[in-house]
Amino acid sequence: MKKRNLKFPLTRSLTVMLFVLLAMGACKSKKKVVEAAPEPVPVEEPAPQPEPEPQPSAEEVAVGKLENYFNAVANASNVQGANNTIREALGMFSNQNTPVLIVIHEESGTKDYDEPTTIERYLNYLKDTKKNLNFISDIRMDGSGKVTELELRRR
């Protein structure tokens, strides 16, 4: 009996091609081609309205203005400029004796405050030291938009 040898390149190539054809034939889908339904006519939708940016609350606006006033008083080049800024800032408060509380320590929800002061004294302190080391952490306002209490924290 004659023994066939797969070492011959033509025989080997034909065998590989036969397996590839069988594999390709086995992978074909048996489903019939269905005609595609016509695409629906696009309906024009009105352009979505951009959502309006949320307006800042009265407290946020007041905090921004007060931070600017505090920095302006602390960085004033002369006493007269600082006094003018202090007069403008005092217009945002219900009176000149509005309490200003400075938090020096907080633990487990309990706050320790420095000695309470008034807004007038605090603004004059900023004018004298020329340093604004605090930021506004809480603000309370009355119905007319005037600040009735201010809480500050160290930076």
Protein backbone atom coordinates (compact mmCIF):
# COMPACT_ATOMS: atom_id res chain seq x y z
CA MET A 1 0.00 0.00 0.00
CA LYS A 2 1.04 3.35 -0.85
CA LYS A 3 1.25 5.85 1.96
CA ARG A 4 0.13 9.41 1.24
CA ASN A 5 2.39 12.05 2.50
CA LEU A 6 1.08 15.52 3.56
CA LYS A 7 4.50 16.99 3.26
CA PHE A 8 3.86 17.82 -0.32
CA PRO A 9 2.98 21.59 -0.45
CA LEU A 10 0.15 21.30 -2.94
CA THR A 11 -1.66 18.64 -0.94
CA ARG A 12 -1.25 20.57 2.26
CA SER A 13 -2.53 23.81 0.64
CA LEU A 14 -5.57 22.07 -0.78
CA THR A 15 -6.42 20.50 2.59
CA VAL A 16 -6.20 23.85 4.36
CA MET A 17 -8.35 25.54 1.72
CA LEU A 18 -10.95 22.79 2.02
CA PHE A 19 -11.22 23.32 5.79
CA VAL A 20 -11.48 27.11 5.32
CA LEU A 21 -14.28 26.72 2.80
CA LEU A 22 -16.15 24.33 5.09
CA ALA A 23 -15.78 26.73 8.00
CA MET A 24 -17.03 29.66 5.94
CA GLY A 25 -19.97 27.69 4.65
CA ALA A 26 -20.95 26.59 8.15
CA CYS A 27 -20.98 30.18 9.47
CA LYS A 28 -23.39 31.55 6.89
CA SER A 29 -26.80 32.52 8.17
CA LYS A 30 -29.75 30.51 6.89
CA LYS A 31 -32.17 33.43 7.25
CA LYS A 32 -33.69 34.97 4.16
CA VAL A 33 -32.98 38.55 3.37
CA VAL A 34 -35.93 40.72 4.35
CA GLU A 35 -36.57 43.97 2.59
CA ALA A 36 -35.84 46.91 4.83
CA ALA A 37 -38.85 48.98 5.81
CA PRO A 38 -38.70 52.55 4.51
CA GLU A 39 -37.35 55.01 7.03
CA PRO A 40 -39.99 57.17 8.69
CA VAL A 41 -40.11 60.80 7.70
CA PRO A 42 -38.17 62.80 10.28
CA VAL A 43 -40.42 65.03 12.37
CA GLU A 44 -39.00 68.41 13.15
CA GLU A 45 -38.79 68.90 16.87
CA PRO A 46 -38.42 72.36 18.31
CA ALA A 47 -34.90 73.13 19.45
CA PRO A 48 -34.52 72.39 23.15
CA GLN A 49 -34.45 75.52 25.24
CA PRO A 50 -31.18 75.86 27.11
CA GLU A 51 -31.78 75.60 30.82
CA PRO A 52 -31.33 78.97 32.46
CA GLU A 53 -28.42 79.14 34.84
CA PRO A 54 -29.61 79.10 38.41
CA GLN A 55 -29.67 82.56 39.86
CA PRO A 56 -27.55 83.01 42.97
CA SER A 57 -29.50 83.45 46.18
CA ALA A 58 -29.54 86.73 48.10
CA GLU A 59 -27.17 85.21 50.67
CA GLU A 60 -24.66 84.21 47.99
CA VAL A 61 -24.74 87.68 46.46
CA ALA A 62 -24.31 89.28 49.89
CA VAL A 63 -21.38 86.99 50.73
CA GLY A 64 -19.63 87.91 47.49
CA LYS A 65 -20.11 91.63 48.08
CA LEU A 66 -19.00 91.42 51.72
CA GLU A 67 -15.86 89.44 50.84
CA ASN A 68 -15.01 92.15 48.31
CA TYR A 69 -15.62 94.88 50.91
CA PHE A 70 -13.48 93.07 53.50
CA ASN A 71 -10.62 92.70 51.02
CA ALA A 72 -10.96 96.33 49.90
CA VAL A 73 -10.80 97.59 53.50
CA ALA A 74 -7.80 95.40 54.32
CA ASN A 75 -5.96 96.40 51.13
CA ALA A 76 -6.89 100.11 51.14
CA SER A 77 -3.97 102.37 50.30
CA ASN A 78 -5.08 105.12 52.67
CA VAL A 79 -7.34 105.65 55.67
CA GLN A 80 -9.84 107.79 53.75
CA GLY A 81 -10.37 105.07 51.13
CA ALA A 82 -10.82 102.45 53.86
CA ASN A 83 -13.35 104.67 55.67
CA ASN A 84 -15.36 105.16 52.46
CA THR A 85 -15.43 101.41 51.89
CA ILE A 86 -16.51 100.84 55.51
CA ARG A 87 -19.41 103.28 55.04
CA GLU A 88 -20.52 101.42 51.91
CA ALA A 89 -20.25 98.04 53.63
CA LEU A 90 -22.24 99.19 56.67
CA GLY A 91 -25.15 99.92 54.32
CA MET A 92 -25.59 96.15 53.87
CA PHE A 93 -26.23 95.58 57.59
CA SER A 94 -29.38 96.13 59.62
CA ASN A 95 -27.37 98.36 62.00
CA GLN A 96 -23.79 99.08 63.03
CA ASN A 97 -24.06 96.75 66.00
CA THR A 98 -24.78 93.63 63.96
CA PRO A 99 -22.99 90.75 65.72
CA VAL A 100 -19.96 89.16 64.10
CA LEU A 101 -18.97 85.76 65.47
CA ILE A 102 -15.59 84.24 64.65
CA VAL A 103 -15.33 80.45 64.96
CA ILE A 104 -11.96 79.49 66.43
CA HIS A 105 -12.64 75.76 66.92
CA GLU A 106 -15.34 73.25 66.04
CA GLU A 107 -15.63 69.68 67.28
CA SER A 108 -18.59 67.30 67.05
CA GLY A 109 -20.88 70.10 65.93
CA THR A 110 -19.97 72.31 68.90
CA LYS A 111 -18.46 75.64 67.92
CA ASP A 112 -16.15 77.75 70.05
CA TYR A 113 -16.24 81.43 69.22
CA ASP A 114 -13.79 84.22 69.76
CA GLU A 115 -15.10 87.21 71.72
CA PRO A 116 -18.19 88.50 69.87
CA THR A 117 -17.76 91.81 68.12
CA THR A 118 -19.82 94.13 65.93
CA ILE A 119 -19.49 94.71 62.22
CA GLU A 120 -18.25 98.26 62.74
CA ARG A 121 -15.48 97.11 65.06
CA TYR A 122 -14.57 94.23 62.74
CA LEU A 123 -14.26 96.53 59.71
CA ASN A 124 -12.09 98.93 61.70
CA TYR A 125 -9.97 95.95 62.81
CA LEU A 126 -9.45 95.05 59.14
CA LYS A 127 -8.49 98.64 58.39
CA ASP A 128 -5.93 98.69 61.24
CA THR A 129 -4.33 95.27 60.69
CA LYS A 130 -4.54 95.35 56.86
CA LYS A 131 -5.08 91.56 56.92
CA ASN A 132 -8.23 89.65 56.03
CA LEU A 133 -7.64 86.25 57.67
CA ASN A 134 -11.30 85.14 57.83
CA PHE A 135 -13.97 84.07 55.37
CA ILE A 136 -17.75 84.11 55.72
CA SER A 137 -19.12 80.71 56.75
CA ASP A 138 -22.70 81.70 57.66
CA ILE A 139 -24.85 84.74 57.08
CA ARG A 140 -28.32 85.58 58.34
CA MET A 141 -30.51 88.15 56.64
CA ASP A 142 -33.83 89.77 57.45
CA GLY A 143 -36.80 90.18 55.10
CA SER A 144 -35.50 93.44 53.68
CA GLY A 145 -32.19 91.87 52.59
CA LYS A 146 -30.07 93.37 55.37
CA VAL A 147 -27.51 91.23 57.20
CA THR A 148 -28.52 90.55 60.83
CA GLU A 149 -25.71 88.16 61.84
CA LEU A 150 -22.37 87.11 60.40
CA GLU A 151 -20.25 84.06 61.21
CA LEU A 152 -16.62 83.95 60.11
CA ARG A 153 -13.92 81.25 60.09
CA ARG A 154 -10.16 81.32 59.84
CA ARG A 155 -8.70 80.56 56.42
